[in-house]
Amino acid sequence: GAESYAANARGTIDDVGIASALYFAARPQLVHGNVLELSSGVGFGGIMSCVVAGAAMPKPSYEINPLDDKDGGETTNGEGSDDVDDILPSKDKTPLPLNLEKLTLSDSNEEILNECSKNTRICGIPSDKISLGLLDWNMPVKREMKNQFDCILGNDIAYQFPDVKGISRLAAYCLKANPYVGESIERDTLSGGQFVHVGPHTRDTISDLRKKLRSGYNMEVDVGYLELERFDLAPMILDSVKDEAAAEDKLQEEDKGYVAYQSQSMEKFSTFVAKHCDGYDGFNGEFFFPAETGMIGDDKPSRWVGGGNIEKDDNYNKPEDPERGSWTLD
């Protein structure tokens, strides 16, 4: 269950990884086909995003690891299960989206990838659904990686402005083009590849990354925001029940428990989903992307000047409020 997974998985589980998992739990359809996670670290973000996407789908739509033969492979009538044991990942039962072909976890550090490998085994990911690869986004994109991925994941990967150039170029070339380009396919029938990024809403370089994808690679970028509310819980035993064992028996008999939270915190994250526009066919990047043709202006990092914690976005209409400051180019 979740406790054994968290206890055994190696590495740090940060709030961005949790926010990413919750994001994909609400949008499981994004995780399909060939999936690539950039700068995976120990793999928590990519693994959990796939697991929760599989768990969020109706039960017949996810695979059960063949090691799990305790229920004979029975399925429900298509309704998602409310049973925690049916949803949470374990070593012998891992929900994955049925249309997931392969998850590729990538990083530029080989030692970190070794930890990724251990975590995939701990989580019970079938070997035919996972691959690991050394990947440096500052290096040229290999031919075999171009136009290959249906979904690219990024969890707070744009730490510094120099990272923006390599990340945007890698994502643009590796992401699949829209399938209806040059074909008589209804626009709503299929979707092309999508680059999904989740990160702290206060990180300016995320805005720079979005701008680079739009202006340098003619990509469509949809922006969103989410809030992660954290409660630190502590068990609470009623004063009227003196004996601890009797208290636990009482709570089990009533089929309910009591908890109290000691503290509460709120974190905000920005999200975006980027995809290619109709003019890119998967092979004409050198002639179509402004960043490649030299038809884009000089890149400069953006900086928020003034009060508030508003993250700048091209589609964000700021009210006439002098206290909110303005955006400048350094």
Protein backbone atom coordinates (compact mmCIF):
# COMPACT_ATOMS: atom_id res chain seq x y z
CA GLY A 1 0.00 0.00 0.00
CA ALA A 2 0.97 3.65 0.17
CA GLU A 3 2.85 3.29 3.45
CA SER A 4 5.13 0.54 2.18
CA TYR A 5 5.68 2.42 -1.08
CA ALA A 6 6.68 5.65 0.66
CA ALA A 7 8.88 3.80 3.13
CA ASN A 8 10.73 1.80 0.48
CA ALA A 9 11.06 4.25 -2.40
CA ARG A 10 14.51 5.82 -2.43
CA GLY A 11 14.95 9.58 -2.58
CA THR A 12 13.02 12.68 -1.67
CA ILE A 13 9.29 13.06 -2.32
CA ASP A 14 8.79 16.80 -2.79
CA ASP A 15 5.64 18.89 -3.07
CA VAL A 16 6.07 19.44 -6.81
CA GLY A 17 5.98 15.67 -7.38
CA ILE A 18 2.82 15.42 -5.27
CA ALA A 19 1.21 18.33 -7.13
CA SER A 20 2.09 16.70 -10.46
CA ALA A 21 0.54 13.40 -9.40
CA LEU A 22 -2.67 15.16 -8.34
CA TYR A 23 -2.72 17.07 -11.63
CA PHE A 24 -2.62 13.84 -13.64
CA ALA A 25 -5.15 12.19 -11.36
CA ALA A 26 -7.59 14.83 -12.60
CA ARG A 27 -6.40 14.51 -16.24
CA PRO A 28 -5.45 10.84 -16.75
CA GLN A 29 -6.07 11.06 -20.50
CA LEU A 30 -2.82 13.03 -20.86
CA VAL A 31 -0.73 9.98 -19.95
CA HIS A 32 -0.74 7.76 -23.02
CA GLY A 33 1.52 6.27 -25.65
CA ASN A 34 5.22 6.94 -25.24
CA VAL A 35 5.87 9.14 -22.20
CA LEU A 36 9.17 10.89 -21.41
CA GLU A 37 10.03 12.56 -18.11
CA LEU A 38 12.82 15.13 -18.24
CA SER A 39 15.25 15.39 -15.33
CA SER A 40 13.48 12.59 -13.48
CA GLY A 41 15.61 12.61 -10.36
CA VAL A 42 14.73 9.44 -8.44
CA GLY A 43 11.65 8.99 -10.63
CA PHE A 44 8.90 9.81 -8.16
CA GLY A 45 7.14 12.39 -10.37
CA GLY A 46 7.01 10.26 -13.51
CA ILE A 47 6.16 7.01 -11.73
CA MET A 48 3.39 8.46 -9.59
CA SER A 49 1.93 10.45 -12.48
CA CYS A 50 1.47 7.23 -14.44
CA VAL A 51 0.22 5.27 -11.43
CA VAL A 52 -2.41 7.80 -10.39
CA ALA A 53 -3.52 8.26 -14.01
CA GLY A 54 -4.09 4.51 -14.20
CA ALA A 55 -5.88 4.47 -10.85
CA ALA A 56 -8.12 7.38 -11.89
CA MET A 57 -9.38 5.56 -14.96
CA PRO A 58 -12.28 3.07 -14.80
CA LYS A 59 -11.01 -0.26 -13.50
CA PRO A 60 -11.03 -2.20 -16.81
CA SER A 61 -8.81 0.52 -18.31
CA TYR A 62 -5.69 -0.23 -16.33
CA GLU A 63 -3.38 -3.16 -16.25
CA ILE A 64 -2.78 -5.34 -13.23
CA ASN A 65 0.69 -6.70 -12.83
CA PRO A 66 0.56 -10.46 -13.58
CA LEU A 67 2.15 -11.08 -10.17
CA ASP A 68 -1.20 -10.21 -8.64
CA ASP A 69 -3.36 -13.33 -8.87
CA LYS A 70 -5.15 -13.01 -5.56
CA ASP A 71 -8.50 -12.03 -7.10
CA GLY A 72 -8.20 -14.03 -10.29
CA GLY A 73 -8.08 -10.89 -12.41
CA GLU A 74 -11.71 -9.98 -11.71
CA THR A 75 -12.90 -6.59 -12.86
CA THR A 76 -15.84 -4.44 -11.98
CA ASN A 77 -18.57 -3.18 -14.26
CA GLY A 78 -16.41 -0.22 -15.25
CA GLU A 79 -16.84 1.89 -12.17
CA GLY A 80 -13.72 3.16 -10.45
CA SER A 81 -13.09 1.49 -7.12
CA ASP A 82 -13.47 3.35 -3.83
CA ASP A 83 -11.49 0.68 -1.97
CA VAL A 84 -8.13 2.13 -0.96
CA ASP A 85 -6.46 -1.27 -1.38
CA ASP A 86 -7.67 -1.37 -5.00
CA ILE A 87 -6.21 2.05 -5.81
CA LEU A 88 -2.92 2.48 -3.96
CA PRO A 89 0.18 1.02 -5.61
CA SER A 90 1.92 -1.98 -4.12
CA LYS A 91 4.74 -4.28 -5.14
CA ASP A 92 2.36 -6.82 -6.68
CA LYS A 93 -0.36 -4.56 -8.09
CA THR A 94 0.37 -1.37 -10.01
CA PRO A 95 -2.39 0.44 -11.92
CA LEU A 96 -1.21 1.84 -15.24
CA PRO A 97 -3.16 3.42 -18.11
CA LEU A 98 -4.03 0.75 -20.65
CA ASN A 99 -2.85 2.94 -23.52
CA LEU A 100 0.53 3.61 -21.92
CA GLU A 101 3.15 2.08 -24.20
CA LYS A 102 6.28 3.01 -22.26
CA LEU A 103 7.49 5.47 -19.64
CA THR A 104 11.05 6.70 -20.16
CA LEU A 105 12.74 8.26 -17.13
CA SER A 106 15.70 10.43 -18.10
CA ASP A 107 18.43 12.30 -16.30
CA SER A 108 21.96 13.50 -16.97
CA ASN A 109 23.27 11.75 -13.83
CA GLU A 110 23.86 8.00 -14.12
CA GLU A 111 23.92 7.43 -10.36
CA ILE A 112 20.47 9.01 -10.03
CA LEU A 113 19.19 6.77 -12.82
CA ASN A 114 20.35 3.76 -10.81
CA GLU A 115 18.06 4.92 -7.99
CA CYS A 116 15.29 5.33 -10.57
CA SER A 117 15.75 1.72 -11.58
CA LYS A 118 15.43 0.56 -7.98
CA ASN A 119 12.27 2.61 -7.48
CA THR A 120 10.59 1.21 -10.57
CA ARG A 121 11.13 -2.30 -9.20
CA ILE A 122 9.88 -1.30 -5.75
CA CYS A 123 6.72 0.12 -7.34
CA GLY A 124 6.12 -3.02 -9.39
CA ILE A 125 6.32 -1.33 -12.82
CA PRO A 126 6.51 -4.10 -15.47
CA SER A 127 9.86 -4.10 -17.25
CA ASP A 128 8.24 -3.78 -20.69
CA LYS A 129 6.57 -0.51 -19.60
CA ILE A 130 9.67 1.30 -18.36
CA SER A 131 13.01 2.43 -19.73
CA LEU A 132 15.83 4.63 -18.43
CA GLY A 133 18.10 6.91 -20.40
CA LEU A 134 20.91 9.40 -19.95
CA LEU A 135 19.73 12.68 -21.44
CA ASP A 136 21.33 16.12 -21.39
CA TRP A 137 19.06 18.80 -22.85
CA ASN A 138 22.10 20.97 -23.65
CA MET A 139 23.26 18.41 -26.23
CA PRO A 140 21.90 18.13 -29.80
CA VAL A 141 18.66 16.14 -30.08
CA LYS A 142 19.33 12.70 -31.52
CA ARG A 143 17.50 11.77 -34.71
CA GLU A 144 15.87 8.70 -33.13
CA MET A 145 14.25 10.87 -30.44
CA LYS A 146 12.60 13.36 -32.76
CA ASN A 147 8.80 13.23 -33.14
CA GLN A 148 8.62 10.20 -30.82
CA PHE A 149 6.74 11.09 -27.64
CA ASP A 150 3.02 11.52 -26.97
CA CYS A 151 3.59 13.12 -23.57
CA ILE A 152 6.61 14.83 -22.02
CA LEU A 153 6.62 15.52 -18.28
CA GLY A 154 8.57 18.21 -16.51
CA ASN A 155 8.43 18.77 -12.76
CA ASP A 156 10.06 22.10 -11.87
CA ILE A 157 12.92 21.59 -14.30
CA ALA A 158 13.55 25.20 -15.40
CA TYR A 159 15.65 26.32 -12.43
CA GLN A 160 17.74 28.91 -14.25
CA PHE A 161 17.28 30.99 -17.38
CA PRO A 162 20.08 29.18 -19.32
CA ASP A 163 18.06 25.95 -18.94
CA VAL A 164 15.17 27.38 -20.96
CA LYS A 165 16.89 27.12 -24.34
CA GLY A 166 17.81 23.44 -24.04
CA ILE A 167 14.51 22.35 -22.47
CA SER A 168 12.35 24.09 -25.06
CA ARG A 169 14.38 22.76 -27.99
CA LEU A 170 14.38 19.20 -26.67
CA ALA A 171 10.64 19.27 -25.96
CA ALA A 172 9.81 20.76 -29.37
CA TYR A 173 11.78 18.18 -31.32
CA CYS A 174 10.87 15.11 -29.24
CA LEU A 175 7.14 15.84 -29.07
CA LYS A 176 4.96 14.28 -31.75
CA ALA A 177 3.35 16.56 -34.29
CA ASN A 178 -0.42 16.84 -34.58
CA PRO A 179 -1.68 13.74 -36.43
CA TYR A 180 -4.12 15.71 -38.59
CA VAL A 181 -1.41 17.81 -40.26
CA GLY A 182 -1.62 17.01 -43.94
CA GLU A 183 -4.39 14.47 -43.36
CA SER A 184 -8.17 14.65 -43.59
CA ILE A 185 -8.71 13.86 -39.90
CA GLU A 186 -11.28 15.57 -37.73
CA ARG A 187 -9.57 17.92 -35.29
CA ASP A 188 -11.20 16.38 -32.21
CA THR A 189 -10.49 12.77 -33.22
CA LEU A 190 -6.83 12.62 -32.22
CA SER A 191 -4.40 14.85 -30.40
CA GLY A 192 -0.70 15.39 -30.93
CA GLY A 193 2.03 15.22 -28.33
CA GLN A 194 1.77 17.40 -25.23
CA PHE A 195 4.46 18.80 -22.96
CA VAL A 196 3.14 19.14 -19.39
CA HIS A 197 5.06 21.13 -16.80
CA VAL A 198 4.29 21.71 -13.12
CA GLY A 199 6.32 24.03 -10.92
CA PRO A 200 6.16 26.71 -8.20
CA HIS A 201 4.16 29.71 -9.38
CA THR A 202 6.87 32.06 -8.06
CA ARG A 203 9.60 30.74 -10.39
CA ASP A 204 10.14 33.34 -13.10
CA THR A 205 11.94 30.96 -15.45
CA ILE A 206 8.71 28.98 -15.97
CA SER A 207 7.26 32.06 -17.64
CA ASP A 208 10.43 32.32 -19.72
CA LEU A 209 10.04 28.68 -20.77
CA ARG A 210 6.46 29.26 -21.88
CA LYS A 211 7.48 32.33 -23.89
CA LYS A 212 10.29 30.40 -25.56
CA LEU A 213 7.95 27.58 -26.57
CA ARG A 214 5.51 30.09 -28.05
CA SER A 215 7.89 32.46 -29.82
CA GLY A 216 10.78 30.11 -30.58
CA TYR A 217 8.85 26.99 -31.59
CA ASN A 218 5.36 28.24 -32.52
CA MET A 219 3.75 26.04 -29.87
CA GLU A 220 0.32 26.54 -28.33
CA VAL A 221 0.59 26.87 -24.54
CA ASP A 222 -2.37 26.60 -22.15
CA VAL A 223 -1.67 27.86 -18.64
CA GLY A 224 -3.29 26.85 -15.36
CA TYR A 225 -2.73 27.10 -11.64
CA LEU A 226 -3.31 24.77 -8.72
CA GLU A 227 -3.08 24.99 -4.96
CA LEU A 228 -1.72 22.28 -2.67
CA GLU A 229 -3.11 22.49 0.83
CA ARG A 230 -1.18 20.56 3.46
CA PHE A 231 -2.46 19.48 6.86
CA ASP A 232 -0.14 17.96 9.45
CA LEU A 233 -2.39 15.42 11.17
CA ALA A 234 -2.09 13.90 14.62
CA PRO A 235 -4.25 11.12 16.15
CA MET A 236 -6.74 12.32 18.74
CA ILE A 237 -8.12 10.07 21.48
CA LEU A 238 -11.21 11.21 23.31
CA ASP A 239 -10.55 12.12 26.94
CA SER A 240 -13.52 10.03 28.05
CA VAL A 241 -11.75 6.86 26.93
CA LYS A 242 -8.81 6.30 29.28
CA ASP A 243 -7.45 3.03 28.03
CA GLU A 244 -5.66 3.30 24.66
CA ALA A 245 -6.52 -0.24 23.57
CA ALA A 246 -10.17 0.31 24.48
CA ALA A 247 -10.12 3.57 22.55
CA GLU A 248 -8.83 1.88 19.40
CA ASP A 249 -11.47 -0.86 19.74
CA LYS A 250 -14.15 1.75 20.12
CA LEU A 251 -13.04 3.62 17.00
CA GLN A 252 -12.90 0.41 14.96
CA GLU A 253 -16.38 -0.63 16.13
CA GLU A 254 -17.77 2.72 15.06
CA ASP A 255 -15.90 2.42 11.74
CA LYS A 256 -14.50 5.91 12.05
CA GLY A 257 -11.48 7.63 13.48
CA TYR A 258 -10.62 11.01 14.87
CA VAL A 259 -7.71 13.20 13.82
CA ALA A 260 -6.73 16.74 14.58
CA TYR A 261 -4.39 18.89 12.51
CA GLN A 262 -1.58 20.73 14.18
CA SER A 263 -0.70 23.04 11.30
CA GLN A 264 -1.86 24.01 7.84
CA SER A 265 0.06 25.37 4.85
CA MET A 266 -0.76 26.33 1.28
CA GLU A 267 1.47 26.20 -1.78
CA LYS A 268 0.65 27.44 -5.26
CA PHE A 269 1.87 25.93 -8.50
CA SER A 270 1.67 26.96 -12.13
CA THR A 271 0.98 24.39 -14.83
CA PHE A 272 1.06 24.50 -18.58
CA VAL A 273 0.36 22.15 -21.47
CA ALA A 274 2.21 22.89 -24.71
CA LYS A 275 1.56 21.32 -28.11
CA HIS A 276 2.58 21.91 -31.71
CA CYS A 277 0.51 24.07 -34.01
CA ASP A 278 -0.75 22.78 -37.35
CA GLY A 279 2.21 23.97 -39.43
CA TYR A 280 4.73 21.55 -37.92
CA ASP A 281 4.73 18.07 -39.47
CA GLY A 282 7.40 16.42 -37.30
CA PHE A 283 10.19 16.76 -39.86
CA ASN A 284 10.39 20.42 -40.86
CA GLY A 285 11.63 21.85 -37.56
CA GLU A 286 14.84 23.31 -39.01
CA PHE A 287 12.75 25.38 -41.43
CA PHE A 288 9.63 25.98 -39.30
CA PHE A 289 10.86 26.83 -35.80
CA PRO A 290 11.82 30.53 -35.47
CA ALA A 291 14.52 29.58 -32.96
CA GLU A 292 16.18 27.51 -35.69
CA THR A 293 15.71 29.93 -38.58
CA GLY A 294 16.97 32.93 -36.62
CA MET A 295 13.66 34.78 -37.00
CA ILE A 296 13.25 35.33 -33.26
CA GLY A 297 14.48 38.26 -31.21
CA ASP A 298 17.13 38.09 -28.51
CA ASP A 299 16.02 36.12 -25.46
CA LYS A 300 16.09 37.95 -22.15
CA PRO A 301 14.84 36.74 -18.77
CA SER A 302 11.68 38.33 -17.45
CA ARG A 303 11.53 39.86 -13.98
CA TRP A 304 8.60 40.96 -11.86
CA VAL A 305 9.05 44.44 -10.41
CA GLY A 306 6.73 45.57 -7.66
CA GLY A 307 4.40 44.03 -5.09
CA GLY A 308 2.42 40.83 -5.01
CA ASN A 309 3.18 37.31 -6.17
CA ILE A 310 1.50 37.47 -9.57
CA GLU A 311 3.14 35.26 -12.17
CA LYS A 312 3.31 36.94 -15.54
CA ASP A 313 1.65 35.25 -18.48
CA ASP A 314 0.95 36.51 -21.98
CA ASN A 315 -2.77 35.77 -21.49
CA TYR A 316 -2.98 37.27 -18.01
CA ASN A 317 -4.84 40.58 -17.94
CA LYS A 318 -3.61 42.53 -14.94
CA PRO A 319 -6.01 45.11 -13.50
CA GLU A 320 -5.01 48.73 -13.29
CA ASP A 321 -3.37 48.46 -9.90
CA PRO A 322 -0.09 50.37 -9.41
CA GLU A 323 0.76 48.31 -6.34
CA ARG A 324 1.12 45.18 -8.48
CA GLY A 325 4.15 46.51 -10.32
CA SER A 326 5.09 45.76 -13.91
CA TRP A 327 7.06 43.33 -16.04
CA THR A 328 10.43 44.30 -17.44
CA LEU A 329 13.15 42.71 -19.52
CA ASP A 330 16.56 42.61 -17.87
